[in-house]
PDB file of all heavy atoms in Angstrom:
ATOM      1  N   CYS A   1      -2.130   3.589 -19.531  1.00  0.00           N
ATOM      2  CA  CYS A   1      -1.075   4.581 -19.781  1.00  0.00           C
ATOM      3  C   CYS A   1      -0.005   4.602 -18.692  1.00  0.00           C
ATOM      4  O   CYS A   1       0.999   5.304 -18.818  1.00  0.00           O
ATOM      5  CB  CYS A   1      -1.681   5.971 -19.958  1.00  0.00           C
ATOM      6  SG  CYS A   1      -2.214   6.753 -18.416  1.00  0.00           S
ATOM      7  N   GLY A   2      -0.192   3.848 -17.607  1.00  0.00           N
ATOM      8  CA  GLY A   2       0.828   3.786 -16.568  1.00  0.00           C
ATOM      9  C   GLY A   2       0.690   4.816 -15.468  1.00  0.00           C
ATOM     10  O   GLY A   2       1.579   4.959 -14.627  1.00  0.00           O
ATOM     11  N   LYS A   3      -0.439   5.527 -15.447  1.00  0.00           N
ATOM     12  CA  LYS A   3      -0.640   6.507 -14.378  1.00  0.00           C
ATOM     13  C   LYS A   3      -0.886   5.803 -13.045  1.00  0.00           C
ATOM     14  O   LYS A   3      -0.636   6.356 -11.969  1.00  0.00           O
ATOM     15  CB  LYS A   3      -1.818   7.417 -14.720  1.00  0.00           C
ATOM     16  CG  LYS A   3      -1.813   8.743 -13.995  1.00  0.00           C
ATOM     17  CD  LYS A   3      -2.888   9.643 -14.559  1.00  0.00           C
ATOM     18  CE  LYS A   3      -2.861  11.010 -13.908  1.00  0.00           C
ATOM     19  NZ  LYS A   3      -1.655  11.784 -14.256  1.00  0.00           N
ATOM     20  N   VAL A   4      -1.387   4.580 -13.126  1.00  0.00           N
ATOM     21  CA  VAL A   4      -1.516   3.719 -11.955  1.00  0.00           C
ATOM     22  C   VAL A   4      -0.944   2.361 -12.350  1.00  0.00           C
ATOM     23  O   VAL A   4      -1.154   1.898 -13.463  1.00  0.00           O
ATOM     24  CB  VAL A   4      -2.991   3.591 -11.493  1.00  0.00           C
ATOM     25  CG1 VAL A   4      -3.884   3.061 -12.590  1.00  0.00           C
ATOM     26  CG2 VAL A   4      -3.106   2.722 -10.259  1.00  0.00           C
ATOM     27  N   LEU A   5      -0.190   1.739 -11.448  1.00  0.00           N
ATOM     28  CA  LEU A   5       0.475   0.475 -11.751  1.00  0.00           C
ATOM     29  C   LEU A   5      -0.404  -0.687 -11.299  1.00  0.00           C
ATOM     30  O   LEU A   5      -0.537  -0.958 -10.100  1.00  0.00           O
ATOM     31  CB  LEU A   5       1.839   0.428 -11.075  1.00  0.00           C
ATOM     32  CG  LEU A   5       2.782   1.607 -11.390  1.00  0.00           C
ATOM     33  CD1 LEU A   5       4.156   1.374 -10.783  1.00  0.00           C
ATOM     34  CD2 LEU A   5       2.882   1.840 -12.898  1.00  0.00           C
ATOM     35  N   GLY A   6      -0.973  -1.370 -12.262  1.00  0.00           N
ATOM     36  CA  GLY A   6      -1.938  -2.419 -11.972  1.00  0.00           C
ATOM     37  C   GLY A   6      -1.371  -3.645 -11.294  1.00  0.00           C
ATOM     38  O   GLY A   6      -2.120  -4.417 -10.685  1.00  0.00           O
ATOM     39  N   LEU A   7      -0.065  -3.865 -11.402  1.00  0.00           N
ATOM     40  CA  LEU A   7       0.546  -5.040 -10.792  1.00  0.00           C
ATOM     41  C   LEU A   7       1.275  -4.708  -9.487  1.00  0.00           C
ATOM     42  O   LEU A   7       2.017  -5.536  -8.956  1.00  0.00           O
ATOM     43  CB  LEU A   7       1.527  -5.694 -11.776  1.00  0.00           C
ATOM     44  CG  LEU A   7       0.913  -6.166 -13.106  1.00  0.00           C
ATOM     45  CD1 LEU A   7       1.984  -6.804 -13.985  1.00  0.00           C
ATOM     46  CD2 LEU A   7      -0.235  -7.151 -12.867  1.00  0.00           C
ATOM     47  N   ALA A   8       1.046  -3.502  -8.982  1.00  0.00           N
ATOM     48  CA  ALA A   8       1.709  -3.089  -7.737  1.00  0.00           C
ATOM     49  C   ALA A   8       1.319  -4.005  -6.579  1.00  0.00           C
ATOM     50  O   ALA A   8       0.173  -4.462  -6.492  1.00  0.00           O
ATOM     51  CB  ALA A   8       1.338  -1.647  -7.398  1.00  0.00           C
ATOM     52  N   GLU A   9       2.273  -4.261  -5.701  1.00  0.00           N
ATOM     53  CA  GLU A   9       2.017  -5.063  -4.509  1.00  0.00           C
ATOM     54  C   GLU A   9       2.275  -4.201  -3.272  1.00  0.00           C
ATOM     55  O   GLU A   9       3.428  -3.838  -3.004  1.00  0.00           O
ATOM     56  CB  GLU A   9       2.911  -6.303  -4.487  1.00  0.00           C
ATOM     57  CG  GLU A   9       2.635  -7.266  -5.634  1.00  0.00           C
ATOM     58  CD  GLU A   9       3.467  -8.531  -5.533  1.00  0.00           C
ATOM     59  OE1 GLU A   9       4.200  -8.687  -4.526  1.00  0.00           O
ATOM     60  OE2 GLU A   9       3.390  -9.355  -6.462  1.00  0.00           O
ATOM     61  N   PRO A  10       1.237  -3.843  -2.532  1.00  0.00           N
ATOM     62  CA  PRO A  10       1.411  -3.003  -1.344  1.00  0.00           C
ATOM     63  C   PRO A  10       2.390  -3.630  -0.352  1.00  0.00           C
ATOM     64  O   PRO A  10       2.387  -4.844  -0.145  1.00  0.00           O
ATOM     65  CB  PRO A  10      -0.003  -2.936  -0.746  1.00  0.00           C
ATOM     66  CG  PRO A  10      -0.902  -3.214  -1.903  1.00  0.00           C
ATOM     67  CD  PRO A  10      -0.177  -4.204  -2.749  1.00  0.00           C
ATOM     68  N   SER A  11       3.242  -2.765   0.234  1.00  0.00           N
ATOM     69  CA  SER A  11       4.253  -3.226   1.186  1.00  0.00           C
ATOM     70  C   SER A  11       3.939  -2.683   2.577  1.00  0.00           C
ATOM     71  O   SER A  11       3.917  -1.465   2.777  1.00  0.00           O
ATOM     72  CB  SER A  11       5.639  -2.759   0.731  1.00  0.00           C
ATOM     73  OG  SER A  11       6.623  -3.102   1.675  1.00  0.00           O
ATOM     74  N   LEU A  12       3.691  -3.586   3.535  1.00  0.00           N
ATOM     75  CA  LEU A  12       3.302  -3.198   4.887  1.00  0.00           C
ATOM     76  C   LEU A  12       4.492  -3.237   5.833  1.00  0.00           C
ATOM     77  O   LEU A  12       5.249  -4.209   5.853  1.00  0.00           O
ATOM     78  CB  LEU A  12       2.219  -4.150   5.399  1.00  0.00           C
ATOM     79  CG  LEU A  12       1.791  -4.006   6.866  1.00  0.00           C
ATOM     80  CD1 LEU A  12       1.028  -2.708   7.077  1.00  0.00           C
ATOM     81  CD2 LEU A  12       0.942  -5.204   7.290  1.00  0.00           C
ATOM     82  N   THR A  13       4.667  -2.172   6.614  1.00  0.00           N
ATOM     83  CA  THR A  13       5.686  -2.134   7.666  1.00  0.00           C
ATOM     84  C   THR A  13       5.031  -1.648   8.955  1.00  0.00           C
ATOM     85  O   THR A  13       3.922  -1.099   8.943  1.00  0.00           O
ATOM     86  CB  THR A  13       6.860  -1.202   7.311  1.00  0.00           C
ATOM     87  OG1 THR A  13       6.354   0.116   7.039  1.00  0.00           O
ATOM     88  CG2 THR A  13       7.609  -1.709   6.090  1.00  0.00           C
ATOM     89  N   ARG A  14       5.748  -1.837  10.092  1.00  0.00           N
ATOM     90  CA  ARG A  14       5.232  -1.411  11.389  1.00  0.00           C
ATOM     91  C   ARG A  14       6.300  -0.592  12.101  1.00  0.00           C
ATOM     92  O   ARG A  14       7.092  -1.115  12.891  1.00  0.00           O
ATOM     93  CB  ARG A  14       4.833  -2.630  12.221  1.00  0.00           C
ATOM     94  CG  ARG A  14       3.985  -2.289  13.425  1.00  0.00           C
ATOM     95  CD  ARG A  14       3.289  -3.529  13.961  1.00  0.00           C
ATOM     96  NE  ARG A  14       2.195  -3.200  14.847  1.00  0.00           N
ATOM     97  CZ  ARG A  14       1.139  -3.965  15.058  1.00  0.00           C
ATOM     98  NH1 ARG A  14       1.028  -5.122  14.421  1.00  0.00           N
ATOM     99  NH2 ARG A  14       0.194  -3.592  15.880  1.00  0.00           N
ATOM    100  N   PRO A  15       6.364   0.718  11.842  1.00  0.00           N
ATOM    101  CA  PRO A  15       7.398   1.582  12.421  1.00  0.00           C
ATOM    102  C   PRO A  15       7.335   1.678  13.942  1.00  0.00           C
ATOM    103  O   PRO A  15       8.344   1.956  14.585  1.00  0.00           O
ATOM    104  CB  PRO A  15       7.123   2.945  11.778  1.00  0.00           C
ATOM    105  CG  PRO A  15       6.306   2.648  10.566  1.00  0.00           C
ATOM    106  CD  PRO A  15       5.486   1.455  10.926  1.00  0.00           C
ATOM    107  N   ALA A  16       6.157   1.472  14.515  1.00  0.00           N
ATOM    108  CA  ALA A  16       5.976   1.546  15.969  1.00  0.00           C
ATOM    109  C   ALA A  16       4.832   0.605  16.337  1.00  0.00           C
ATOM    110  O   ALA A  16       4.061   0.196  15.466  1.00  0.00           O
ATOM    111  CB  ALA A  16       5.660   2.982  16.394  1.00  0.00           C
ATOM    112  N   PRO A  17       4.692   0.233  17.612  1.00  0.00           N
ATOM    113  CA  PRO A  17       3.659  -0.731  18.006  1.00  0.00           C
ATOM    114  C   PRO A  17       2.248  -0.378  17.544  1.00  0.00           C
ATOM    115  O   PRO A  17       1.461  -1.259  17.216  1.00  0.00           O
ATOM    116  CB  PRO A  17       3.768  -0.747  19.528  1.00  0.00           C
ATOM    117  CG  PRO A  17       5.197  -0.415  19.798  1.00  0.00           C
ATOM    118  CD  PRO A  17       5.563   0.597  18.757  1.00  0.00           C
ATOM    119  N   ALA A  18       1.933   0.908  17.529  1.00  0.00           N
ATOM    120  CA  ALA A  18       0.580   1.318  17.154  1.00  0.00           C
ATOM    121  C   ALA A  18       0.552   2.079  15.830  1.00  0.00           C
ATOM    122  O   ALA A  18      -0.401   2.800  15.544  1.00  0.00           O
ATOM    123  CB  ALA A  18      -0.035   2.176  18.253  1.00  0.00           C
ATOM    124  N   VAL A  19       1.590   1.918  15.024  1.00  0.00           N
ATOM    125  CA  VAL A  19       1.668   2.614  13.743  1.00  0.00           C
ATOM    126  C   VAL A  19       1.923   1.618  12.624  1.00  0.00           C
ATOM    127  O   VAL A  19       2.898   0.862  12.661  1.00  0.00           O
ATOM    128  CB  VAL A  19       2.779   3.685  13.735  1.00  0.00           C
ATOM    129  CG1 VAL A  19       2.860   4.354  12.356  1.00  0.00           C
ATOM    130  CG2 VAL A  19       2.521   4.725  14.815  1.00  0.00           C
ATOM    131  N   LEU A  20       1.039   1.619  11.624  1.00  0.00           N
ATOM    132  CA  LEU A  20       1.208   0.802  10.425  1.00  0.00           C
ATOM    133  C   LEU A  20       1.471   1.724   9.248  1.00  0.00           C
ATOM    134  O   LEU A  20       0.926   2.825   9.192  1.00  0.00           O
ATOM    135  CB  LEU A  20      -0.048  -0.018  10.126  1.00  0.00           C
ATOM    136  CG  LEU A  20      -0.465  -1.164  11.052  1.00  0.00           C
ATOM    137  CD1 LEU A  20       0.677  -2.155  11.247  1.00  0.00           C
ATOM    138  CD2 LEU A  20      -0.992  -0.655  12.369  1.00  0.00           C
ATOM    139  N   ALA A  21       2.311   1.291   8.329  1.00  0.00           N
ATOM    140  CA  ALA A  21       2.577   2.070   7.122  1.00  0.00           C
ATOM    141  C   ALA A  21       2.519   1.153   5.915  1.00  0.00           C
ATOM    142  O   ALA A  21       3.020   0.028   5.957  1.00  0.00           O
ATOM    143  CB  ALA A  21       3.950   2.741   7.207  1.00  0.00           C
ATOM    144  N   VAL A  22       1.902   1.617   4.853  1.00  0.00           N
ATOM    145  CA  VAL A  22       1.806   0.840   3.623  1.00  0.00           C
ATOM    146  C   VAL A  22       2.282   1.696   2.460  1.00  0.00           C
ATOM    147  O   VAL A  22       1.784   2.803   2.249  1.00  0.00           O
ATOM    148  CB  VAL A  22       0.366   0.372   3.343  1.00  0.00           C
ATOM    149  CG1 VAL A  22       0.306  -0.378   2.004  1.00  0.00           C
ATOM    150  CG2 VAL A  22      -0.136  -0.533   4.460  1.00  0.00           C
ATOM    151  N   ASP A  23       3.254   1.191   1.722  1.00  0.00           N
ATOM    152  CA  ASP A  23       3.664   1.807   0.467  1.00  0.00           C
ATOM    153  C   ASP A  23       2.824   1.141  -0.619  1.00  0.00           C
ATOM    154  O   ASP A  23       2.942  -0.061  -0.858  1.00  0.00           O
ATOM    155  CB  ASP A  23       5.150   1.579   0.208  1.00  0.00           C
ATOM    156  CG  ASP A  23       5.663   2.379  -0.985  1.00  0.00           C
ATOM    157  OD1 ASP A  23       4.900   2.541  -1.975  1.00  0.00           O
ATOM    158  OD2 ASP A  23       6.821   2.827  -0.953  1.00  0.00           O
ATOM    159  N   ALA A  24       1.961   1.912  -1.255  1.00  0.00           N
ATOM    160  CA  ALA A  24       1.048   1.358  -2.255  1.00  0.00           C
ATOM    161  C   ALA A  24       1.742   1.020  -3.563  1.00  0.00           C
ATOM    162  O   ALA A  24       1.143   0.381  -4.428  1.00  0.00           O
ATOM    163  CB  ALA A  24      -0.093   2.339  -2.511  1.00  0.00           C
ATOM    164  N   GLY A  25       2.985   1.470  -3.727  1.00  0.00           N
ATOM    165  CA  GLY A  25       3.713   1.164  -4.954  1.00  0.00           C
ATOM    166  C   GLY A  25       3.098   1.774  -6.188  1.00  0.00           C
ATOM    167  O   GLY A  25       3.257   1.266  -7.300  1.00  0.00           O
ATOM    168  N   ASN A  26       2.361   2.875  -6.012  1.00  0.00           N
ATOM    169  CA  ASN A  26       1.661   3.566  -7.103  1.00  0.00           C
ATOM    170  C   ASN A  26       0.549   2.719  -7.710  1.00  0.00           C
ATOM    171  O   ASN A  26       0.178   2.899  -8.866  1.00  0.00           O
ATOM    172  CB  ASN A  26       2.638   4.049  -8.177  1.00  0.00           C
ATOM    173  CG  ASN A  26       3.499   5.188  -7.699  1.00  0.00           C
ATOM    174  OD1 ASN A  26       3.003   6.129  -7.082  1.00  0.00           O
ATOM    175  ND2 ASN A  26       4.802   5.099  -7.930  1.00  0.00           N
ATOM    176  N   GLY A  27       0.011   1.797  -6.905  1.00  0.00           N
ATOM    177  CA  GLY A  27      -1.188   1.072  -7.295  1.00  0.00           C
ATOM    178  C   GLY A  27      -2.412   1.791  -6.755  1.00  0.00           C
ATOM    179  O   GLY A  27      -2.325   2.896  -6.208  1.00  0.00           O
ATOM    180  N   PHE A  28      -3.568   1.164  -6.894  1.00  0.00           N
ATOM    181  CA  PHE A  28      -4.800   1.750  -6.379  1.00  0.00           C
ATOM    182  C   PHE A  28      -4.755   1.831  -4.848  1.00  0.00           C
ATOM    183  O   PHE A  28      -4.267   0.913  -4.189  1.00  0.00           O
ATOM    184  CB  PHE A  28      -6.008   0.935  -6.818  1.00  0.00           C
ATOM    185  CG  PHE A  28      -6.301   1.030  -8.290  1.00  0.00           C
ATOM    186  CD1 PHE A  28      -6.150  -0.076  -9.115  1.00  0.00           C
ATOM    187  CD2 PHE A  28      -6.722   2.222  -8.850  1.00  0.00           C
ATOM    188  CE1 PHE A  28      -6.415   0.009 -10.474  1.00  0.00           C
ATOM    189  CE2 PHE A  28      -6.990   2.321 -10.210  1.00  0.00           C
ATOM    190  CZ  PHE A  28      -6.837   1.212 -11.027  1.00  0.00           C
ATOM    191  N   ALA A  29      -5.295   2.895  -4.294  1.00  0.00           N
ATOM    192  CA  ALA A  29      -5.308   3.057  -2.842  1.00  0.00           C
ATOM    193  C   ALA A  29      -6.119   1.959  -2.171  1.00  0.00           C
ATOM    194  O   ALA A  29      -5.821   1.548  -1.051  1.00  0.00           O
ATOM    195  CB  ALA A  29      -5.887   4.424  -2.477  1.00  0.00           C
ATOM    196  N   HIS A  30      -7.146   1.474  -2.855  1.00  0.00           N
ATOM    197  CA  HIS A  30      -8.025   0.468  -2.262  1.00  0.00           C
ATOM    198  C   HIS A  30      -7.256  -0.781  -1.827  1.00  0.00           C
ATOM    199  O   HIS A  30      -7.509  -1.334  -0.753  1.00  0.00           O
ATOM    200  CB  HIS A  30      -9.120   0.083  -3.255  1.00  0.00           C
ATOM    201  CG  HIS A  30     -10.070   1.191  -3.577  1.00  0.00           C
ATOM    202  ND1 HIS A  30      -9.689   2.297  -4.307  1.00  0.00           N
ATOM    203  CD2 HIS A  30     -11.386   1.368  -3.263  1.00  0.00           C
ATOM    204  CE1 HIS A  30     -10.722   3.115  -4.433  1.00  0.00           C
ATOM    205  NE2 HIS A  30     -11.758   2.579  -3.812  1.00  0.00           N
ATOM    206  N   ALA A  31      -6.342  -1.238  -2.658  1.00  0.00           N
ATOM    207  CA  ALA A  31      -5.576  -2.438  -2.316  1.00  0.00           C
ATOM    208  C   ALA A  31      -4.649  -2.174  -1.139  1.00  0.00           C
ATOM    209  O   ALA A  31      -4.457  -3.031  -0.270  1.00  0.00           O
ATOM    210  CB  ALA A  31      -4.774  -2.918  -3.527  1.00  0.00           C
ATOM    211  N   ALA A  32      -4.056  -0.986  -1.091  1.00  0.00           N
ATOM    212  CA  ALA A  32      -3.168  -0.631   0.011  1.00  0.00           C
ATOM    213  C   ALA A  32      -3.950  -0.518   1.315  1.00  0.00           C
ATOM    214  O   ALA A  32      -3.502  -0.970   2.376  1.00  0.00           O
ATOM    215  CB  ALA A  32      -2.446   0.680  -0.298  1.00  0.00           C
ATOM    216  N   ILE A  33      -5.127   0.085   1.258  1.00  0.00           N
ATOM    217  CA  ILE A  33      -5.954   0.227   2.450  1.00  0.00           C
ATOM    218  C   ILE A  33      -6.423  -1.146   2.931  1.00  0.00           C
ATOM    219  O   ILE A  33      -6.435  -1.430   4.138  1.00  0.00           O
ATOM    220  CB  ILE A  33      -7.153   1.155   2.168  1.00  0.00           C
ATOM    221  CG1 ILE A  33      -6.654   2.577   1.864  1.00  0.00           C
ATOM    222  CG2 ILE A  33      -8.112   1.184   3.357  1.00  0.00           C
ATOM    223  CD1 ILE A  33      -7.731   3.508   1.341  1.00  0.00           C
ATOM    224  N   ALA A  34      -6.795  -2.010   1.991  1.00  0.00           N
ATOM    225  CA  ALA A  34      -7.215  -3.365   2.361  1.00  0.00           C
ATOM    226  C   ALA A  34      -6.084  -4.127   3.044  1.00  0.00           C
ATOM    227  O   ALA A  34      -6.326  -4.965   3.918  1.00  0.00           O
ATOM    228  CB  ALA A  34      -7.681  -4.119   1.120  1.00  0.00           C
ATOM    229  N   THR A  35      -4.858  -3.827   2.669  1.00  0.00           N
ATOM    230  CA  THR A  35      -3.693  -4.457   3.302  1.00  0.00           C
ATOM    231  C   THR A  35      -3.489  -3.941   4.717  1.00  0.00           C
ATOM    232  O   THR A  35      -3.147  -4.700   5.631  1.00  0.00           O
ATOM    233  CB  THR A  35      -2.421  -4.183   2.473  1.00  0.00           C
ATOM    234  OG1 THR A  35      -2.570  -4.780   1.174  1.00  0.00           O
ATOM    235  CG2 THR A  35      -1.177  -4.750   3.143  1.00  0.00           C
ATOM    236  N   GLY A  36      -3.726  -2.650   4.922  1.00  0.00           N
ATOM    237  CA  GLY A  36      -3.426  -2.038   6.215  1.00  0.00           C
ATOM    238  C   GLY A  36      -4.534  -2.060   7.244  1.00  0.00           C
ATOM    239  O   GLY A  36      -4.259  -1.993   8.448  1.00  0.00           O
ATOM    240  N   LEU A  37      -5.799  -2.160   6.830  1.00  0.00           N
ATOM    241  CA  LEU A  37      -6.894  -2.066   7.797  1.00  0.00           C
ATOM    242  C   LEU A  37      -6.930  -3.196   8.831  1.00  0.00           C
ATOM    243  O   LEU A  37      -7.115  -2.917  10.026  1.00  0.00           O
ATOM    244  CB  LEU A  37      -8.246  -1.982   7.080  1.00  0.00           C
ATOM    245  CG  LEU A  37      -8.658  -0.610   6.540  1.00  0.00           C
ATOM    246  CD1 LEU A  37     -10.106  -0.652   6.050  1.00  0.00           C
ATOM    247  CD2 LEU A  37      -8.509   0.485   7.585  1.00  0.00           C
TER     248      LEU A  37
END
């Protein structure tokens, strides 16, 4: 139904040396967390 976007690609940025940020793109949190950990 589109409540979660199955083809989303998490986008990783580094706003500061010790700070990571991931935009999950409305996909599952698991994929975004796997990208950022």
